[in-house]
Amino acid sequence: MEIIPVGIYGAYPAPGCASACYLVKGESATVVLDMGSGSLSMLQKYINLSEVDAFILSHLHYDHFCDALPLAYYPGKHIIYCPATPSDCFTLLKGSASHDVRVINEGAVVTVGKIRFEFSKTIHPVETYAIRVTENEKSFVYTADAMLSDKLIDFCRGSELILTDCSFPAGTPHMTAEQGAELSEKAGVRIVAIHFSPVYDAGPVLSRLGIPAVKQGEAVKAW
């Protein structure tokens, strides 16, 4: 399974880049995880939007969902899975006739092609879900925005890879690099760092801890 980091920034994108967006290309389906600012434009560098089988939004903070709004103008019907809160953001998504919006929640299971998606609520200011993606009995986890917890560690165990929100400084509702390393150690799973701040350089501490960082447009093999 191949993951293409389309947008790797949080809060807002650096120039010429995009906020959170990951193109997942499995054997049986193609799915996009999150649609942050700038991602609708950047995504078309890697795929024709009509070839995307579903869009899954981990939560409805602007840097994870806002480009799902202009997606409404792209021809066709777009299947979008997302939480039902915050209600004002959910209402915006539901307002387009071209969006087939379906609600996710704790413990939900979604199947697209033969890819299975499971959801576990994370610690974050709004309703947010880590996503476990499984095909052919192998899986990876996208933490989305999350603080470290025993629940998240348990959810990640047994996977092949964790795309880990661990690139913001301490004092924010995200993991630090040190907490990302702790997640990796306790879950027994390799991680790659995602969700970079446009104003804080996590590179030195990630390097010191031996945590690789995703690069925009460079494919990651989940297994």
C-alpha atoms as a PDB file:
ATOM      1  CA  MET A   1       0.000   0.000   0.000  1.00  0.00           C
ATOM      2  CA  GLU A   2       1.301   3.412  -1.012  1.00  0.00           C
ATOM      3  CA  ILE A   3       0.671   6.700   0.780  1.00  0.00           C
ATOM      4  CA  ILE A   4       1.424   9.989  -0.995  1.00  0.00           C
ATOM      5  CA  PRO A   5       1.732  12.978   1.369  1.00  0.00           C
ATOM      6  CA  VAL A   6      -0.104  15.681  -0.575  1.00  0.00           C
ATOM      7  CA  GLY A   7      -0.298  18.199   2.280  1.00  0.00           C
ATOM      8  CA  ILE A   8       1.955  17.919   5.334  1.00  0.00           C
ATOM      9  CA  TYR A   9       1.389  21.144   7.271  1.00  0.00           C
ATOM     10  CA  GLY A  10      -0.847  22.003  10.198  1.00  0.00           C
ATOM     11  CA  ALA A  11      -2.607  25.269  11.032  1.00  0.00           C
ATOM     12  CA  TYR A  12      -1.842  26.710   7.590  1.00  0.00           C
ATOM     13  CA  PRO A  13       0.464  25.630   4.758  1.00  0.00           C
ATOM     14  CA  ALA A  14       3.905  26.948   3.940  1.00  0.00           C
ATOM     15  CA  PRO A  15       4.164  28.723   0.539  1.00  0.00           C
ATOM     16  CA  GLY A  16       3.463  26.389  -2.376  1.00  0.00           C
ATOM     17  CA  CYS A  17       2.302  23.619  -0.043  1.00  0.00           C
ATOM     18  CA  ALA A  18      -0.893  22.310   1.558  1.00  0.00           C
ATOM     19  CA  SER A  19      -2.281  21.380   4.936  1.00  0.00           C
ATOM     20  CA  ALA A  20      -3.144  17.825   5.912  1.00  0.00           C
ATOM     21  CA  CYS A  21      -3.955  15.526   2.983  1.00  0.00           C
ATOM     22  CA  TYR A  22      -2.804  11.954   2.307  1.00  0.00           C
ATOM     23  CA  LEU A  23      -3.561   9.963  -0.843  1.00  0.00           C
ATOM     24  CA  VAL A  24      -3.874   6.254  -0.048  1.00  0.00           C
ATOM     25  CA  LYS A  25      -3.483   3.911  -3.020  1.00  0.00           C
ATOM     26  CA  GLY A  26      -4.364   0.311  -2.227  1.00  0.00           C
ATOM     27  CA  GLU A  27      -4.857  -2.677  -4.476  1.00  0.00           C
ATOM     28  CA  SER A  28      -8.645  -2.367  -4.434  1.00  0.00           C
ATOM     29  CA  ALA A  29      -9.381   1.335  -3.902  1.00  0.00           C
ATOM     30  CA  THR A  30      -7.992   4.858  -3.736  1.00  0.00           C
ATOM     31  CA  VAL A  31      -8.930   7.027  -0.773  1.00  0.00           C
ATOM     32  CA  VAL A  32      -7.956  10.494   0.431  1.00  0.00           C
ATOM     33  CA  LEU A  33      -7.445  11.131   4.142  1.00  0.00           C
ATOM     34  CA  ASP A  34      -8.205  14.765   5.003  1.00  0.00           C
ATOM     35  CA  MET A  35      -8.537  17.782   2.719  1.00  0.00           C
ATOM     36  CA  GLY A  36      -6.707  20.706   4.311  1.00  0.00           C
ATOM     37  CA  SER A  37      -6.120  24.133   2.805  1.00  0.00           C
ATOM     38  CA  GLY A  38      -4.433  23.994  -0.603  1.00  0.00           C
ATOM     39  CA  SER A  39      -4.938  20.255  -0.943  1.00  0.00           C
ATOM     40  CA  LEU A  40      -7.559  20.333  -3.702  1.00  0.00           C
ATOM     41  CA  SER A  41      -5.061  21.937  -6.066  1.00  0.00           C
ATOM     42  CA  MET A  42      -2.087  19.840  -4.956  1.00  0.00           C
ATOM     43  CA  LEU A  43      -4.011  16.558  -5.071  1.00  0.00           C
ATOM     44  CA  GLN A  44      -4.582  16.943  -8.809  1.00  0.00           C
ATOM     45  CA  LYS A  45      -0.828  16.679  -9.359  1.00  0.00           C
ATOM     46  CA  TYR A  46      -1.060  13.028  -8.334  1.00  0.00           C
ATOM     47  CA  ILE A  47      -4.499  11.808  -9.392  1.00  0.00           C
ATOM     48  CA  ASN A  48      -7.592  12.676 -11.386  1.00  0.00           C
ATOM     49  CA  LEU A  49     -10.180  13.484  -8.731  1.00  0.00           C
ATOM     50  CA  SER A  50     -12.731  11.271 -10.460  1.00  0.00           C
ATOM     51  CA  GLU A  51     -10.516   8.292  -9.581  1.00  0.00           C
ATOM     52  CA  VAL A  52     -10.868   8.840  -5.823  1.00  0.00           C
ATOM     53  CA  ASP A  53     -13.298   6.315  -4.344  1.00  0.00           C
ATOM     54  CA  ALA A  54     -13.900   8.177  -1.069  1.00  0.00           C
ATOM     55  CA  PHE A  55     -12.677  11.057   1.066  1.00  0.00           C
ATOM     56  CA  ILE A  56     -12.299  10.496   4.816  1.00  0.00           C
ATOM     57  CA  LEU A  57     -11.975  13.520   7.099  1.00  0.00           C
ATOM     58  CA  SER A  58     -10.491  12.807  10.512  1.00  0.00           C
ATOM     59  CA  HIS A  59     -12.024  15.965  11.967  1.00  0.00           C
ATOM     60  CA  LEU A  60     -13.483  19.289  10.987  1.00  0.00           C
ATOM     61  CA  HIS A  61     -10.734  21.750  11.843  1.00  0.00           C
ATOM     62  CA  TYR A  62     -10.093  24.012   8.859  1.00  0.00           C
ATOM     63  CA  ASP A  63      -6.604  22.641   8.186  1.00  0.00           C
ATOM     64  CA  HIS A  64      -8.106  19.172   7.715  1.00  0.00           C
ATOM     65  CA  PHE A  65     -11.362  19.730   5.874  1.00  0.00           C
ATOM     66  CA  CYS A  66     -11.672  23.177   4.251  1.00  0.00           C
ATOM     67  CA  ASP A  67     -10.809  22.081   0.687  1.00  0.00           C
ATOM     68  CA  ALA A  68     -13.625  19.543   0.811  1.00  0.00           C
ATOM     69  CA  LEU A  69     -15.890  22.573   0.379  1.00  0.00           C
ATOM     70  CA  PRO A  70     -14.734  23.670  -3.127  1.00  0.00           C
ATOM     71  CA  LEU A  71     -14.584  19.967  -4.039  1.00  0.00           C
ATOM     72  CA  ALA A  72     -18.355  20.406  -4.380  1.00  0.00           C
ATOM     73  CA  TYR A  73     -17.775  22.178  -7.704  1.00  0.00           C
ATOM     74  CA  TYR A  74     -15.843  19.251  -9.217  1.00  0.00           C
ATOM     75  CA  PRO A  75     -18.124  17.132 -11.429  1.00  0.00           C
ATOM     76  CA  GLY A  76     -19.605  13.981  -9.989  1.00  0.00           C
ATOM     77  CA  LYS A  77     -20.733  12.669  -6.622  1.00  0.00           C
ATOM     78  CA  HIS A  78     -18.177  12.651  -3.806  1.00  0.00           C
ATOM     79  CA  ILE A  79     -18.442  10.214  -0.929  1.00  0.00           C
ATOM     80  CA  ILE A  80     -17.194  11.926   2.231  1.00  0.00           C
ATOM     81  CA  TYR A  81     -16.910  10.300   5.654  1.00  0.00           C
ATOM     82  CA  CYS A  82     -16.517  12.666   8.617  1.00  0.00           C
ATOM     83  CA  PRO A  83     -17.615  13.378  12.203  1.00  0.00           C
ATOM     84  CA  ALA A  84     -20.928  15.187  12.720  1.00  0.00           C
ATOM     85  CA  THR A  85     -19.356  17.917  14.869  1.00  0.00           C
ATOM     86  CA  PRO A  86     -18.657  20.820  14.987  1.00  0.00           C
ATOM     87  CA  SER A  87     -22.183  21.128  13.629  1.00  0.00           C
ATOM     88  CA  ASP A  88     -21.597  24.381  11.723  1.00  0.00           C
ATOM     89  CA  CYS A  89     -18.756  22.829   9.702  1.00  0.00           C
ATOM     90  CA  PHE A  90     -20.739  19.627   9.158  1.00  0.00           C
ATOM     91  CA  THR A  91     -23.691  21.662   7.866  1.00  0.00           C
ATOM     92  CA  LEU A  92     -21.434  23.348   5.309  1.00  0.00           C
ATOM     93  CA  LEU A  93     -20.309  19.977   3.961  1.00  0.00           C
ATOM     94  CA  LYS A  94     -23.852  18.607   3.896  1.00  0.00           C
ATOM     95  CA  GLY A  95     -25.073  21.676   2.016  1.00  0.00           C
ATOM     96  CA  SER A  96     -23.776  20.525  -1.370  1.00  0.00           C
ATOM     97  CA  ALA A  97     -25.864  18.232  -3.539  1.00  0.00           C
ATOM     98  CA  SER A  98     -22.651  16.742  -4.972  1.00  0.00           C
ATOM     99  CA  HIS A  99     -21.470  15.557  -1.529  1.00  0.00           C
ATOM    100  CA  ASP A 100     -22.651  12.217  -0.195  1.00  0.00           C
ATOM    101  CA  VAL A 101     -21.724  12.842   3.455  1.00  0.00           C
ATOM    102  CA  ARG A 102     -21.643   9.880   5.833  1.00  0.00           C
ATOM    103  CA  VAL A 103     -20.988  10.113   9.576  1.00  0.00           C
ATOM    104  CA  ILE A 104     -18.125   8.366  11.384  1.00  0.00           C
ATOM    105  CA  ASN A 105     -17.881   7.854  15.131  1.00  0.00           C
ATOM    106  CA  GLU A 106     -16.095   5.840  17.787  1.00  0.00           C
ATOM    107  CA  GLY A 107     -15.795   2.203  16.749  1.00  0.00           C
ATOM    108  CA  ALA A 108     -17.207   2.749  13.269  1.00  0.00           C
ATOM    109  CA  VAL A 109     -15.993   0.531  10.447  1.00  0.00           C
ATOM    110  CA  VAL A 110     -16.008   1.660   6.815  1.00  0.00           C
ATOM    111  CA  THR A 111     -15.110  -0.485   3.803  1.00  0.00           C
ATOM    112  CA  VAL A 112     -14.033   1.021   0.480  1.00  0.00           C
ATOM    113  CA  GLY A 113     -13.184  -1.621  -2.094  1.00  0.00           C
ATOM    114  CA  LYS A 114     -11.455  -4.210   0.101  1.00  0.00           C
ATOM    115  CA  ILE A 115      -9.844  -1.597   2.352  1.00  0.00           C
ATOM    116  CA  ARG A 116     -11.172  -1.465   5.917  1.00  0.00           C
ATOM    117  CA  PHE A 117     -11.129   1.763   7.934  1.00  0.00           C
ATOM    118  CA  GLU A 118     -11.547   1.762  11.718  1.00  0.00           C
ATOM    119  CA  PHE A 119     -11.823   4.828  13.935  1.00  0.00           C
ATOM    120  CA  SER A 120     -10.688   5.679  17.455  1.00  0.00           C
ATOM    121  CA  LYS A 121     -11.373   9.032  19.084  1.00  0.00           C
ATOM    122  CA  THR A 122      -8.262  11.013  20.003  1.00  0.00           C
ATOM    123  CA  ILE A 123      -7.587  13.739  22.547  1.00  0.00           C
ATOM    124  CA  HIS A 124      -8.065  16.968  20.591  1.00  0.00           C
ATOM    125  CA  PRO A 125     -10.232  20.095  21.012  1.00  0.00           C
ATOM    126  CA  VAL A 126     -12.902  18.855  18.563  1.00  0.00           C
ATOM    127  CA  GLU A 127     -14.233  15.388  17.724  1.00  0.00           C
ATOM    128  CA  THR A 128     -11.255  13.748  16.014  1.00  0.00           C
ATOM    129  CA  TYR A 129     -10.464  10.187  14.966  1.00  0.00           C
ATOM    130  CA  ALA A 130      -7.273   8.241  14.426  1.00  0.00           C
ATOM    131  CA  ILE A 131      -7.796   5.965  11.430  1.00  0.00           C
ATOM    132  CA  ARG A 132      -6.575   2.395  11.031  1.00  0.00           C
ATOM    133  CA  VAL A 133      -6.355   1.382   7.369  1.00  0.00           C
ATOM    134  CA  THR A 134      -6.275  -2.357   6.604  1.00  0.00           C
ATOM    135  CA  GLU A 135      -5.940  -4.287   3.365  1.00  0.00           C
ATOM    136  CA  ASN A 136      -4.848  -7.906   2.903  1.00  0.00           C
ATOM    137  CA  GLU A 137      -4.528  -8.308   6.695  1.00  0.00           C
ATOM    138  CA  LYS A 138      -1.911  -5.554   7.023  1.00  0.00           C
ATOM    139  CA  SER A 139      -2.566  -2.078   8.337  1.00  0.00           C
ATOM    140  CA  PHE A 140      -1.224   1.376   9.055  1.00  0.00           C
ATOM    141  CA  VAL A 141      -2.554   4.060  11.393  1.00  0.00           C
ATOM    142  CA  TYR A 142      -3.012   7.744  10.661  1.00  0.00           C
ATOM    143  CA  THR A 143      -3.167   9.432  14.046  1.00  0.00           C
ATOM    144  CA  ALA A 144      -4.648  12.648  12.635  1.00  0.00           C
ATOM    145  CA  ASP A 145      -4.357  15.306  15.359  1.00  0.00           C
ATOM    146  CA  ALA A 146      -3.782  13.610  18.684  1.00  0.00           C
ATOM    147  CA  MET A 147      -2.213  13.821  22.087  1.00  0.00           C
ATOM    148  CA  LEU A 148      -0.495  10.733  23.471  1.00  0.00           C
ATOM    149  CA  SER A 149      -2.754   8.339  25.365  1.00  0.00           C
ATOM    150  CA  ASP A 150      -2.877   4.664  26.309  1.00  0.00           C
ATOM    151  CA  LYS A 151      -5.923   4.338  24.071  1.00  0.00           C
ATOM    152  CA  LEU A 152      -3.986   5.591  21.037  1.00  0.00           C
ATOM    153  CA  ILE A 153      -1.082   3.261  21.837  1.00  0.00           C
ATOM    154  CA  ASP A 154      -3.449   0.281  21.975  1.00  0.00           C
ATOM    155  CA  PHE A 155      -5.119   1.326  18.708  1.00  0.00           C
ATOM    156  CA  CYS A 156      -1.742   1.403  16.930  1.00  0.00           C
ATOM    157  CA  ARG A 157      -0.460  -1.971  18.147  1.00  0.00           C
ATOM    158  CA  GLY A 158      -0.111  -4.624  15.460  1.00  0.00           C
ATOM    159  CA  SER A 159       0.081  -2.180  12.572  1.00  0.00           C
ATOM    160  CA  GLU A 160       2.997  -1.842  10.177  1.00  0.00           C
ATOM    161  CA  LEU A 161       3.370   1.943  10.322  1.00  0.00           C
ATOM    162  CA  ILE A 162       2.027   4.994  12.154  1.00  0.00           C
ATOM    163  CA  LEU A 163       1.707   8.367  10.404  1.00  0.00           C
ATOM    164  CA  THR A 164       2.230  10.352  13.581  1.00  0.00           C
ATOM    165  CA  ASP A 165       1.274  13.897  14.539  1.00  0.00           C
ATOM    166  CA  CYS A 166       4.481  14.639  16.496  1.00  0.00           C
ATOM    167  CA  SER A 167       5.998  17.751  14.948  1.00  0.00           C
ATOM    168  CA  PHE A 168       4.579  20.616  17.005  1.00  0.00           C
ATOM    169  CA  PRO A 169       6.237  22.105  20.119  1.00  0.00           C
ATOM    170  CA  ALA A 170       5.130  21.297  23.664  1.00  0.00           C
ATOM    171  CA  GLY A 171       2.021  23.060  24.944  1.00  0.00           C
ATOM    172  CA  THR A 172      -0.198  22.396  21.915  1.00  0.00           C
ATOM    173  CA  PRO A 173      -2.914  19.704  21.487  1.00  0.00           C
ATOM    174  CA  HIS A 174      -0.475  17.596  19.461  1.00  0.00           C
ATOM    175  CA  MET A 175       2.330  15.178  20.299  1.00  0.00           C
ATOM    176  CA  THR A 176       5.894  16.359  20.560  1.00  0.00           C
ATOM    177  CA  ALA A 177       8.664  14.412  18.838  1.00  0.00           C
ATOM    178  CA  GLU A 178       9.545  12.824  22.188  1.00  0.00           C
ATOM    179  CA  GLN A 179       5.960  11.643  22.609  1.00  0.00           C
ATOM    180  CA  GLY A 180       5.989  10.289  19.077  1.00  0.00           C
ATOM    181  CA  ALA A 181       9.047   8.237  19.985  1.00  0.00           C
ATOM    182  CA  GLU A 182       7.224   6.996  23.093  1.00  0.00           C
ATOM    183  CA  LEU A 183       4.222   5.975  20.982  1.00  0.00           C
ATOM    184  CA  SER A 184       6.499   4.054  18.635  1.00  0.00           C
ATOM    185  CA  GLU A 185       8.265   2.271  21.491  1.00  0.00           C
ATOM    186  CA  LYS A 186       5.147   1.334  23.457  1.00  0.00           C
ATOM    187  CA  ALA A 187       3.119   0.262  20.410  1.00  0.00           C
ATOM    188  CA  GLY A 188       6.111  -1.541  18.891  1.00  0.00           C
ATOM    189  CA  VAL A 189       5.521   0.083  15.504  1.00  0.00           C
ATOM    190  CA  ARG A 190       7.719   2.256  13.302  1.00  0.00           C
ATOM    191  CA  ILE A 191       6.558   5.827  12.811  1.00  0.00           C
ATOM    192  CA  VAL A 192       7.002   8.671  10.380  1.00  0.00           C
ATOM    193  CA  ALA A 193       6.379  12.256  11.453  1.00  0.00           C
ATOM    194  CA  ILE A 194       3.622  14.318   9.841  1.00  0.00           C
ATOM    195  CA  HIS A 195       1.731  17.586  10.384  1.00  0.00           C
ATOM    196  CA  PHE A 196       4.453  20.204  10.501  1.00  0.00           C
ATOM    197  CA  SER A 197       4.129  23.698  11.884  1.00  0.00           C
ATOM    198  CA  PRO A 198       4.904  26.438   9.337  1.00  0.00           C
ATOM    199  CA  VAL A 199       6.701  28.421  12.076  1.00  0.00           C
ATOM    200  CA  TYR A 200       8.444  25.725  14.168  1.00  0.00           C
ATOM    201  CA  ASP A 201      11.239  23.538  12.833  1.00  0.00           C
ATOM    202  CA  ALA A 202      10.921  20.073  14.348  1.00  0.00           C
ATOM    203  CA  GLY A 203      13.707  18.745  12.118  1.00  0.00           C
ATOM    204  CA  PRO A 204      16.561  18.813  14.660  1.00  0.00           C
ATOM    205  CA  VAL A 205      14.697  16.955  17.406  1.00  0.00           C
ATOM    206  CA  LEU A 206      13.181  14.450  14.956  1.00  0.00           C
ATOM    207  CA  SER A 207      16.664  13.777  13.610  1.00  0.00           C
ATOM    208  CA  ARG A 208      18.093  13.363  17.117  1.00  0.00           C
ATOM    209  CA  LEU A 209      15.389  10.808  17.935  1.00  0.00           C
ATOM    210  CA  GLY A 210      15.786   8.968  14.629  1.00  0.00           C
ATOM    211  CA  ILE A 211      12.236   9.719  13.472  1.00  0.00           C
ATOM    212  CA  PRO A 212      11.915  10.105   9.692  1.00  0.00           C
ATOM    213  CA  ALA A 213       9.645  12.847   8.384  1.00  0.00           C
ATOM    214  CA  VAL A 214       7.327  12.611   5.411  1.00  0.00           C
ATOM    215  CA  LYS A 215       8.114  14.852   2.467  1.00  0.00           C
ATOM    216  CA  GLN A 216       5.457  16.373   0.250  1.00  0.00           C
ATOM    217  CA  GLY A 217       4.915  14.247  -2.853  1.00  0.00           C
ATOM    218  CA  GLU A 218       7.329  11.477  -1.829  1.00  0.00           C
ATOM    219  CA  ALA A 219       5.458   8.181  -1.548  1.00  0.00           C
ATOM    220  CA  VAL A 220       5.618   6.186   1.669  1.00  0.00           C
ATOM    221  CA  LYS A 221       5.261   2.395   1.534  1.00  0.00           C
ATOM    222  CA  ALA A 222       3.075   1.254   4.398  1.00  0.00           C
ATOM    223  CA  TRP A 223       4.400  -2.282   3.847  1.00  0.00           C
END
